Amino acid sequence: MADRKIFSRRNFMIGGSVIAMSGIGAVYYKFNERAPLGFEPTEALIHKGKQFLSKHISIDIHAHPGRSFVAGAHDLNLQMRAYAATSLFESRALKDMKRGGLTVASFATVSDFQLLEIGEMGITAAREFRPGEAWRSYQNQKDRIVSFSDHEGIRLIRSVGDINDTKNENQMGILFTAEGGDFLEGKLERLEACYADGLRSITLVHYHINEIGDIQTAPEKHKGLTDFGKAVVKSMNQIGMVIDLAHASKQTALDAIEISSKPVVVSHAGINRSEFSHPRFIDLELARLVAENGGIIGAWPAGIGLSSLSDYIDQLFYLVDAVGVNHISIGSDMDGNYKPVYDNFDSLPLIAGMLLDRGMGEAGTAKVLGGNYLRLMASVSAI
């Protein structure tokens, strides 16, 4: 979700009262509007991209295809009720995945959706959870997402082997993830139950400061990871879940990296630099620390300093230069992003083709579009 101001590459600078957020989409999103490409695609480019994707595994490490998180949401304010009324299009999203040649997409729950409102400072949590509310919301969203794997040709991803099988059998994969660990409600034992559900990654925090740690977009409350948050990190390591530090304050992220025995991801983010910065970006120091510990930054195609798909390709090359080709993935935040410049899975062949044409090479492109996350999941997984 985001505020409605429009920012350009040249004039976007963060002020204390101007914060364009993301994570659950823009209220004013219109299906018939597509982001500019910034280049003229040729048949040869499209063919090259499709051929590449037919041979290589591709993984979008953070997305909300079809906005499943709005289904059954309760006690919403007027803004979120209006938003929910225009959402839910999972069938279309799955068709877009297939048309784009994407092997696996994250389908992320949104733990705190019913708490959120849009104000002067962007998206904030307007209230606290009621007892048991976050867990019930997780169960509802989980049931809906996992049910898609009952459809022919769609597999719930539980292991690296499942991803390889999905590719080999020309299927599509659902990587079940959660944005915000609020549903744990301070109960560490729930991690095992959620892993059994098929949950394979948790973004520790979202827009609500929870029992785990602080967020990027609000004043600190815990001064980093809490004792419960430290226990969550250690348990996720033991169980084999991927730790996602998107939305976490820098100190929360630093604490998690220090404690974790496994590499972590920042599933959808940019790096603050002189051209533009944003509270939802991370600094270069943190990005390099994630990489040095074997982790991954998910390149985020939000309309923050980016105005076209070509700009997103520029961003991918910038991130590769900053932290190395072994530490970048695609984290589209699809169907939940702010003014996305990569706004439909069917554009994936264009991304693949452009990366190849601009010199990333087949090996590097394969890493960025799927191989890096496959490697990280293998290193984290307990099975």
Protein backbone atom coordinates (compact mmCIF):
# COMPACT_ATOMS: atom_id res chain seq x y z
CA MET A 1 0.00 0.00 0.00
CA ALA A 2 1.29 3.47 -0.71
CA ASP A 3 0.39 7.11 -0.52
CA ARG A 4 -0.72 8.78 -3.73
CA LYS A 5 2.14 11.14 -4.38
CA ILE A 6 4.09 10.50 -7.58
CA PHE A 7 7.87 10.49 -7.40
CA SER A 8 10.40 10.74 -10.21
CA ARG A 9 13.98 9.48 -10.39
CA ARG A 10 15.32 13.04 -10.22
CA ASN A 11 13.17 14.69 -7.62
CA PHE A 12 12.44 11.87 -5.18
CA MET A 13 13.92 12.58 -1.77
CA ILE A 14 12.56 11.43 1.55
CA GLY A 15 11.10 13.97 3.96
CA GLY A 16 9.87 13.19 7.43
CA SER A 17 6.26 13.62 6.42
CA VAL A 18 6.40 12.01 2.97
CA ILE A 19 6.53 8.24 3.03
CA ALA A 20 5.25 6.14 0.15
CA MET A 21 4.77 2.65 1.47
CA SER A 22 4.24 -0.71 -0.12
CA GLY A 23 3.62 -4.30 0.80
CA ILE A 24 -0.06 -4.71 0.09
CA GLY A 25 -0.63 -2.80 -3.12
CA ALA A 26 -2.02 0.55 -4.13
CA VAL A 27 -5.69 1.31 -3.56
CA TYR A 28 -5.93 3.02 -6.91
CA TYR A 29 -4.33 0.18 -8.87
CA LYS A 30 -6.09 -0.34 -12.22
CA PHE A 31 -5.76 -3.58 -14.12
CA ASN A 32 -5.75 -1.89 -17.53
CA GLU A 33 -2.70 0.24 -16.74
CA ARG A 34 0.69 -1.25 -17.50
CA ALA A 35 4.02 0.22 -16.51
CA PRO A 36 6.17 1.71 -19.30
CA LEU A 37 8.84 -0.60 -20.69
CA GLY A 38 11.36 2.12 -21.48
CA PHE A 39 12.51 0.19 -24.54
CA GLU A 40 11.04 -1.34 -27.68
CA PRO A 41 10.97 -5.12 -27.34
CA THR A 42 11.84 -7.10 -30.45
CA GLU A 43 10.63 -10.56 -31.37
CA ALA A 44 14.23 -11.73 -31.05
CA LEU A 45 14.46 -10.40 -27.48
CA ILE A 46 11.18 -12.02 -26.44
CA HIS A 47 12.20 -15.31 -28.03
CA LYS A 48 15.57 -15.22 -26.28
CA GLY A 49 13.89 -14.63 -22.93
CA LYS A 50 11.36 -17.40 -23.43
CA GLN A 51 14.02 -19.85 -24.53
CA PHE A 52 16.10 -19.04 -21.47
CA LEU A 53 13.16 -19.52 -19.12
CA SER A 54 12.25 -22.82 -20.75
CA LYS A 55 15.67 -24.15 -19.72
CA HIS A 56 16.25 -22.52 -16.33
CA ILE A 57 14.42 -22.42 -13.01
CA SER A 58 12.93 -19.01 -12.17
CA ILE A 59 11.77 -18.01 -8.69
CA ASP A 60 10.05 -14.85 -7.47
CA ILE A 61 11.00 -14.80 -3.80
CA HIS A 62 8.32 -12.37 -2.57
CA ALA A 63 4.88 -11.83 -4.10
CA HIS A 64 1.15 -11.75 -3.38
CA PRO A 65 -0.29 -13.24 -6.59
CA GLY A 66 -3.96 -12.35 -6.86
CA ARG A 67 -3.98 -10.76 -3.37
CA SER A 68 -5.15 -13.84 -1.51
CA PHE A 69 -4.60 -12.05 1.79
CA VAL A 70 -7.82 -10.01 1.46
CA ALA A 71 -10.10 -13.08 1.41
CA GLY A 72 -12.13 -13.30 4.58
CA ALA A 73 -10.38 -10.32 6.17
CA HIS A 74 -12.52 -8.84 8.95
CA ASP A 75 -12.84 -5.66 11.01
CA LEU A 76 -11.31 -3.51 8.28
CA ASN A 77 -11.47 0.26 8.22
CA LEU A 78 -13.20 2.00 5.31
CA GLN A 79 -9.97 2.31 3.29
CA MET A 80 -9.11 -1.36 3.54
CA ARG A 81 -12.70 -2.41 2.90
CA ALA A 82 -12.65 -0.49 -0.37
CA TYR A 83 -9.31 -2.05 -1.25
CA ALA A 84 -10.47 -5.57 -0.45
CA ALA A 85 -13.58 -5.11 -2.58
CA THR A 86 -11.43 -4.58 -5.70
CA SER A 87 -9.04 -7.46 -5.06
CA LEU A 88 -8.87 -11.26 -5.38
CA PHE A 89 -7.82 -12.49 -8.81
CA GLU A 90 -5.65 -15.54 -8.12
CA SER A 91 -6.76 -17.42 -11.24
CA ARG A 92 -5.58 -14.57 -13.41
CA ALA A 93 -2.29 -14.39 -11.54
CA LEU A 94 -1.67 -18.10 -12.05
CA LYS A 95 -2.33 -17.72 -15.77
CA ASP A 96 0.12 -14.82 -15.85
CA MET A 97 2.73 -17.00 -14.14
CA LYS A 98 2.32 -19.70 -16.75
CA ARG A 99 2.37 -17.24 -19.64
CA GLY A 100 5.52 -15.64 -18.28
CA GLY A 101 7.33 -18.94 -17.80
CA LEU A 102 7.82 -18.48 -14.05
CA THR A 103 8.63 -21.74 -12.26
CA VAL A 104 7.87 -20.74 -8.66
CA ALA A 105 6.29 -17.69 -7.02
CA SER A 106 6.06 -16.81 -3.38
CA PHE A 107 2.46 -16.59 -2.19
CA ALA A 108 2.74 -14.48 0.95
CA THR A 109 0.18 -14.05 3.67
CA VAL A 110 -0.07 -10.54 5.15
CA SER A 111 -0.21 -10.92 8.90
CA ASP A 112 -1.37 -7.43 9.83
CA PHE A 113 -3.66 -6.49 6.92
CA GLN A 114 -6.72 -5.91 9.09
CA LEU A 115 -4.82 -3.48 11.33
CA LEU A 116 -3.64 -1.12 8.63
CA GLU A 117 -4.63 2.38 7.62
CA ILE A 118 -3.18 5.02 5.31
CA GLY A 119 -2.38 8.34 6.90
CA GLU A 120 -0.04 11.31 6.58
CA MET A 121 2.94 9.07 7.26
CA GLY A 122 1.87 6.32 4.88
CA ILE A 123 0.84 2.88 6.06
CA THR A 124 0.64 2.30 9.80
CA ALA A 125 -1.02 -0.16 12.15
CA ALA A 126 -4.09 1.65 13.49
CA ARG A 127 -4.77 -0.75 16.33
CA GLU A 128 -3.45 -3.82 18.12
CA PHE A 129 -4.52 -7.39 17.47
CA ARG A 130 -7.33 -8.84 19.50
CA PRO A 131 -6.56 -12.14 21.29
CA GLY A 132 -6.17 -14.93 18.75
CA GLU A 133 -6.95 -12.66 15.80
CA ALA A 134 -3.56 -12.93 14.09
CA TRP A 135 -3.55 -16.73 14.32
CA ARG A 136 -7.06 -17.01 12.90
CA SER A 137 -6.05 -14.71 10.03
CA TYR A 138 -3.01 -16.88 9.29
CA GLN A 139 -5.15 -20.01 9.23
CA ASN A 140 -7.63 -18.43 6.84
CA GLN A 141 -4.97 -17.17 4.43
CA LYS A 142 -3.00 -20.43 4.67
CA ASP A 143 -6.01 -22.53 3.78
CA ARG A 144 -6.71 -20.44 0.71
CA ILE A 145 -3.13 -20.41 -0.57
CA VAL A 146 -2.43 -24.07 0.05
CA SER A 147 -5.71 -25.03 -1.66
CA PHE A 148 -4.31 -23.86 -5.03
CA SER A 149 -1.93 -26.81 -4.97
CA ASP A 150 -4.96 -29.07 -5.41
CA HIS A 151 -5.24 -27.75 -8.97
CA GLU A 152 -3.67 -29.79 -11.71
CA GLY A 153 -0.18 -28.63 -12.62
CA ILE A 154 0.37 -26.60 -9.43
CA ARG A 155 2.67 -27.87 -6.69
CA LEU A 156 3.14 -26.68 -3.12
CA ILE A 157 6.89 -26.30 -2.68
CA ARG A 158 8.21 -28.00 0.43
CA SER A 159 11.81 -28.67 -0.65
CA VAL A 160 14.46 -27.91 -3.25
CA GLY A 161 13.57 -31.25 -4.81
CA ASP A 162 10.01 -30.02 -5.30
CA ILE A 163 11.33 -27.01 -7.24
CA ASN A 164 13.42 -29.22 -9.51
CA ASP A 165 10.48 -31.58 -10.04
CA THR A 166 8.19 -28.64 -10.80
CA LYS A 167 10.55 -27.49 -13.53
CA ASN A 168 11.14 -30.95 -14.95
CA GLU A 169 7.42 -31.67 -15.11
CA ASN A 170 6.56 -28.26 -16.61
CA GLN A 171 4.39 -27.34 -13.65
CA MET A 172 4.06 -24.18 -11.54
CA GLY A 173 5.13 -23.98 -7.92
CA ILE A 174 3.71 -22.13 -4.91
CA LEU A 175 6.27 -21.13 -2.30
CA PHE A 176 4.16 -20.50 0.80
CA THR A 177 5.58 -17.57 2.79
CA ALA A 178 4.37 -15.13 5.44
CA GLU A 179 4.89 -11.38 5.64
CA GLY A 180 5.01 -10.58 9.33
CA GLY A 181 5.44 -13.08 12.17
CA ASP A 182 2.56 -11.62 14.18
CA PHE A 183 0.59 -14.87 13.91
CA LEU A 184 3.06 -16.58 16.25
CA GLU A 185 1.54 -14.47 19.05
CA GLY A 186 4.57 -15.13 21.23
CA LYS A 187 4.24 -18.92 20.89
CA LEU A 188 7.44 -20.46 19.57
CA GLU A 189 5.87 -23.89 19.17
CA ARG A 190 3.72 -22.60 16.32
CA LEU A 191 6.75 -22.59 14.02
CA GLU A 192 6.70 -26.39 13.82
CA ALA A 193 2.98 -26.41 13.04
CA CYS A 194 3.43 -23.77 10.33
CA TYR A 195 6.32 -25.69 8.80
CA ALA A 196 4.06 -28.72 8.63
CA ASP A 197 1.52 -26.52 6.81
CA GLY A 198 4.17 -25.93 4.13
CA LEU A 199 5.33 -22.48 5.29
CA ARG A 200 8.96 -22.07 4.25
CA SER A 201 9.82 -18.42 4.94
CA ILE A 202 8.74 -15.70 7.35
CA THR A 203 9.31 -11.96 6.98
CA LEU A 204 9.80 -11.29 10.69
CA VAL A 205 7.96 -7.96 10.74
CA HIS A 206 5.70 -5.92 8.47
CA TYR A 207 3.94 -2.64 9.40
CA HIS A 208 3.01 -3.64 12.95
CA ILE A 209 5.71 -3.68 15.62
CA ASN A 210 5.30 -7.19 16.98
CA GLU A 211 6.86 -9.43 19.66
CA ILE A 212 9.82 -10.17 17.36
CA GLY A 213 11.40 -6.79 16.65
CA ASP A 214 11.21 -3.27 15.26
CA ILE A 215 10.19 -2.12 11.79
CA GLN A 216 11.81 0.32 9.35
CA THR A 217 8.89 2.71 9.13
CA ALA A 218 8.13 3.56 12.76
CA PRO A 219 10.11 4.70 15.80
CA GLU A 220 11.95 1.89 17.56
CA LYS A 221 10.23 0.22 20.47
CA HIS A 222 12.48 -2.76 21.22
CA LYS A 223 15.85 -1.37 20.04
CA GLY A 224 16.30 -4.38 17.80
CA LEU A 225 15.40 -8.04 18.02
CA THR A 226 13.58 -9.06 21.21
CA ASP A 227 14.42 -12.11 23.30
CA PHE A 228 11.47 -13.83 21.66
CA GLY A 229 12.73 -12.68 18.26
CA LYS A 230 16.13 -14.22 18.98
CA ALA A 231 14.44 -17.50 19.88
CA VAL A 232 12.40 -17.31 16.65
CA VAL A 233 15.57 -16.90 14.57
CA LYS A 234 17.26 -19.85 16.26
CA SER A 235 14.17 -22.05 15.89
CA MET A 236 13.73 -21.12 12.22
CA ASN A 237 17.37 -22.16 11.67
CA GLN A 238 16.72 -25.52 13.32
CA ILE A 239 13.43 -26.17 11.49
CA GLY A 240 14.73 -25.10 8.09
CA MET A 241 12.77 -21.90 7.42
CA VAL A 242 14.17 -18.96 5.48
CA ILE A 243 14.50 -15.78 7.58
CA ASP A 244 13.39 -12.66 5.70
CA LEU A 245 14.50 -9.25 7.00
CA ALA A 246 12.46 -7.03 4.67
CA HIS A 247 10.67 -4.30 6.68
CA ALA A 248 12.98 -4.85 9.68
CA SER A 249 14.78 -1.93 11.29
CA LYS A 250 18.52 -1.95 10.75
CA GLN A 251 19.25 -2.99 14.33
CA THR A 252 16.67 -5.79 14.15
CA ALA A 253 18.31 -6.99 10.94
CA LEU A 254 21.82 -6.76 12.39
CA ASP A 255 20.75 -8.74 15.44
CA ALA A 256 19.16 -11.44 13.29
CA ILE A 257 22.23 -11.78 11.06
CA GLU A 258 24.48 -12.06 14.12
CA ILE A 259 22.35 -14.77 15.71
CA SER A 260 21.43 -16.75 12.61
CA SER A 261 23.57 -19.75 11.73
CA LYS A 262 22.09 -19.74 8.23
CA PRO A 263 22.03 -17.13 5.45
CA VAL A 264 19.08 -14.72 5.40
CA VAL A 265 17.20 -12.80 2.72
CA VAL A 266 15.86 -9.28 2.36
CA SER A 267 13.14 -10.36 -0.01
CA HIS A 268 12.09 -7.01 -1.51
CA ALA A 269 14.22 -3.92 -1.10
CA GLY A 270 16.45 -1.38 -2.77
CA ILE A 271 19.70 0.18 -1.58
CA ASN A 272 19.72 3.81 -0.52
CA ARG A 273 22.05 5.93 -2.65
CA SER A 274 22.56 9.53 -3.67
CA GLU A 275 20.04 9.40 -6.54
CA PHE A 276 17.16 8.37 -4.27
CA SER A 277 16.46 6.94 -0.85
CA HIS A 278 13.49 5.61 1.04
CA PRO A 279 12.71 4.24 4.53
CA ARG A 280 11.89 0.86 2.97
CA PHE A 281 15.34 0.60 1.40
CA ILE A 282 18.43 -0.66 3.23
CA ASP A 283 21.88 0.86 3.31
CA LEU A 284 24.88 -0.54 1.47
CA GLU A 285 26.53 -1.69 4.70
CA LEU A 286 23.59 -3.93 5.57
CA ALA A 287 23.26 -5.22 2.02
CA ARG A 288 26.91 -6.25 1.95
CA LEU A 289 26.62 -7.88 5.37
CA VAL A 290 23.69 -9.95 4.13
CA ALA A 291 25.78 -11.00 1.13
CA GLU A 292 28.92 -11.73 3.15
CA ASN A 293 26.89 -14.18 5.21
CA GLY A 294 25.66 -15.98 2.09
CA GLY A 295 22.32 -14.19 1.88
CA ILE A 296 20.25 -12.58 -0.87
CA ILE A 297 18.69 -9.22 -1.65
CA GLY A 298 15.42 -9.44 -3.60
CA ALA A 299 15.41 -6.62 -6.17
CA TRP A 300 12.19 -4.67 -5.62
CA PRO A 301 10.52 -3.07 -8.69
CA ALA A 302 8.58 -0.43 -6.76
CA GLY A 303 8.00 2.96 -8.34
CA ILE A 304 10.56 4.58 -6.07
CA GLY A 305 13.27 6.04 -8.27
CA LEU A 306 12.10 3.73 -11.06
CA SER A 307 9.67 4.64 -13.83
CA SER A 308 9.98 1.79 -16.34
CA LEU A 309 10.96 -1.86 -16.69
CA SER A 310 14.23 -0.67 -18.20
CA ASP A 311 14.96 1.17 -14.93
CA TYR A 312 14.43 -2.11 -13.10
CA ILE A 313 17.03 -3.77 -15.31
CA ASP A 314 19.38 -0.91 -14.36
CA GLN A 315 18.61 -1.59 -10.71
CA LEU A 316 19.45 -5.28 -11.09
CA PHE A 317 22.84 -4.43 -12.57
CA TYR A 318 23.44 -1.87 -9.82
CA LEU A 319 22.69 -4.47 -7.13
CA VAL A 320 24.95 -7.02 -8.81
CA ASP A 321 27.76 -4.46 -8.83
CA ALA A 322 27.07 -3.63 -5.17
CA VAL A 323 26.93 -7.12 -3.62
CA GLY A 324 27.75 -9.64 -6.35
CA VAL A 325 25.79 -11.75 -8.80
CA ASN A 326 25.52 -14.60 -6.28
CA HIS A 327 23.41 -12.51 -3.91
CA ILE A 328 20.57 -11.04 -5.98
CA SER A 329 17.12 -12.43 -6.76
CA ILE A 330 13.78 -11.15 -8.03
CA GLY A 331 11.44 -10.01 -5.26
CA SER A 332 8.60 -8.47 -7.23
CA ASP A 333 6.02 -7.93 -4.45
CA MET A 334 3.66 -8.70 -7.33
CA ASP A 335 0.06 -7.55 -6.83
CA GLY A 336 1.04 -5.81 -3.62
CA ASN A 337 3.52 -3.20 -4.78
CA TYR A 338 3.65 0.60 -5.07
CA LYS A 339 3.51 1.78 -8.71
CA PRO A 340 5.36 -1.35 -9.87
CA VAL A 341 7.53 -1.13 -12.96
CA TYR A 342 7.46 -4.94 -13.23
CA ASP A 343 3.72 -5.34 -12.91
CA ASN A 344 2.80 -8.70 -14.43
CA PHE A 345 4.50 -12.08 -14.47
CA ASP A 346 4.08 -12.15 -18.24
CA SER A 347 6.93 -9.59 -18.48
CA LEU A 348 9.48 -12.06 -17.13
CA PRO A 349 10.76 -13.04 -20.63
CA LEU A 350 11.54 -9.35 -21.21
CA ILE A 351 13.61 -9.25 -18.02
CA ALA A 352 15.47 -12.41 -18.96
CA GLY A 353 16.07 -11.19 -22.51
CA MET A 354 17.28 -7.76 -21.38
CA LEU A 355 19.69 -9.20 -18.81
CA LEU A 356 21.18 -11.43 -21.50
CA ASP A 357 21.33 -8.67 -24.11
CA ARG A 358 23.03 -6.29 -21.69
CA GLY A 359 25.79 -8.73 -20.89
CA MET A 360 24.90 -10.52 -17.67
CA GLY A 361 25.48 -13.84 -19.41
CA GLU A 362 23.50 -17.06 -19.14
CA ALA A 363 25.13 -18.22 -15.91
CA GLY A 364 24.63 -14.89 -14.14
CA THR A 365 21.08 -14.50 -15.37
CA ALA A 366 20.26 -18.02 -14.19
CA LYS A 367 21.55 -17.15 -10.72
CA VAL A 368 19.56 -13.93 -10.43
CA LEU A 369 16.30 -15.37 -11.79
CA GLY A 370 16.29 -18.49 -9.63
CA GLY A 371 19.58 -20.20 -8.94
CA ASN A 372 20.62 -18.04 -6.00
CA TYR A 373 17.44 -18.67 -4.06
CA LEU A 374 17.58 -22.37 -4.90
CA ARG A 375 21.08 -22.48 -3.39
CA LEU A 376 20.02 -20.53 -0.31
CA MET A 377 16.96 -22.69 0.27
CA ALA A 378 19.16 -25.80 0.07
CA SER A 379 21.56 -24.36 2.65
CA VAL A 380 18.73 -23.43 5.02
CA SER A 381 16.49 -26.44 4.56
CA ALA A 382 16.39 -29.24 7.09
CA ILE A 383 15.16 -31.75 4.47
